[in-house]
Amino acid sequence: MDRTQEQLTDYCMASDFACLAPDTVHRYERHLLDSLGCALGALDAEPAAIARRLAMAARGNPGARIFRHPEPTTLEMAAFANGVLIRYLDFNDRLISGHPSDGLGALLAVAEVHGLSGRELVAGLHVLYEVFGRLKPGLLRDRGWDQGTYLAVAVACAVAKLLGFSRQQTAETIAIAISDNVATRQARAGELSTWKGCATPNAARKGLFAALLAGDGMRGPTRPFEGTHGLFEQVTGPFELDLPAPGESPMIESADLKYFPVEGQAQGPALAAMELRQIVPVDEIEAIDVEVYQFAWAEIARDPAKWEPTSRETADHSLPYILATVLKHGTITPAHFAPEHLVDPWVRALMPRIGVRPNDEFTRRWPAELPCRVTARTRDGRRHAVEVARPRGHRTNPLSDDELLAKFEALAAPVLAPEQRRAVVDFAWSLPEQPRAAALLDLL
């Protein structure tokens, strides 16, 4: 066992529900409800339908359910199918390392099959968010590797916690998960495909499978992080983990809940466009200049495909499309990625008049802030600028519980009756008191 593997193992063994403050527990309740809304809003998505068909063809005994379907499937397919639903709209929570709730489907599957309580589910969620958030995302991203690499090991650790693994079983789980699940970032580059919203749910599926193998006696590679050909040598380079005592400075305090269904770096520009629309008649805009930090420019403006999006996946990562859509409609919702909106003549005509460039000062302020400045020049030569540093939903400008409920209602109302929605909300708000976490699947 190498040092990094040992640190993660010891953290998993020491962490438990009892170490969590009430405010931390409520944050997990909020993120659960937010994830469920995102999943219910994506039921008709093509990738979700594909995952659902595969899941329904794989019967599990004992099995786990996917949202809105009573028939059980395997643990791994439930993890994948529910993860795809949570992730598809790009509306679920985010840390700087990516989207931790992409792993929630795996934890719900384990909780259902093993009859775990809401309190136990919260303990597993805490391990998921801590491990995913404490690993070093920049060392993956800057070298072209994807967040799923870390999500697989985070889910593996969380499942080990849920299943009450021994220290040795947990260490083997980590070794299998990190050694065999390195993913490239090509899933998020150029013209994005339907796999964009499936890559991390698949990583969660593989993290779950790693835990199942270790729980049945499988041994993982020795020194998976620091050994010859381990993660440090092959992928990230060496790093030191910063793991506080369990429950201290929890990573979920650094997690954002999205206000708009767009890529995280576009939250500020979308809000700036909404505010700009209040002070400038949009039909009088001649050109728009957008300044963002370097990472935002690289993620949502650099690639030529982001200026000619032909798919929903590319459009929600396209700063010019998002900006133009908000300027026309005053907001952006999942409906604005329908095919007819992607070819809207007004939006397409404005997009080439938008310029985007990195701002060195903004780059220095990221990631503590998400700064951007959107400046519109009207036909009479006047300039109107809006600057946003901490958009709504940012950890320092969080959604209120009422705003979160409104988001859930908007996403769930087409699918669930009012009494069902109320029951789901009540369940989420009392998660630690629930004797059976799988009752949530009953409500759906």
Foldseek 3Di string as FASTA:
>chain_A
DDDVLLVLLVQLVQFALVLADPVLLLLQLLQVLLLVLQLLLCCPPPVLVVLVVVQVVAADVVFFDAFPDDGGGHLLSQLQNSLLSSQVLLQHKAFPLGHLCSLVSNLLGLLFSVQFALRLSSSLSLQSQQQLRQDDNCLFVVQFWHSLLSNLLSLLSSSCSSVVHDSQLNSQLNQQLNQPQIGGPPCQDAQHDSCVSRNNSNSSSNSSVSSVCSVVPDGHDPPQDPDVVHCQVPGRNDDDTDDDRHNPPGSSLQMFRAPASANPLLLFLLVFLLVVLVPDPLVQFDAKEKEWAPVLCRRAPDHPCLLQHQALSSPSSHNLLSSLVCSVVSHHHSVCRPRVNSVPPSSNVHSVRYHYDYDPVNNVCPPVWGWMKMWTAGPVGDIDIDIGTAGERGSVRYDDPVSSLVSSCVSNVVPDDPVLSVVLSVCSSPSNPGSRSNVSSVSD
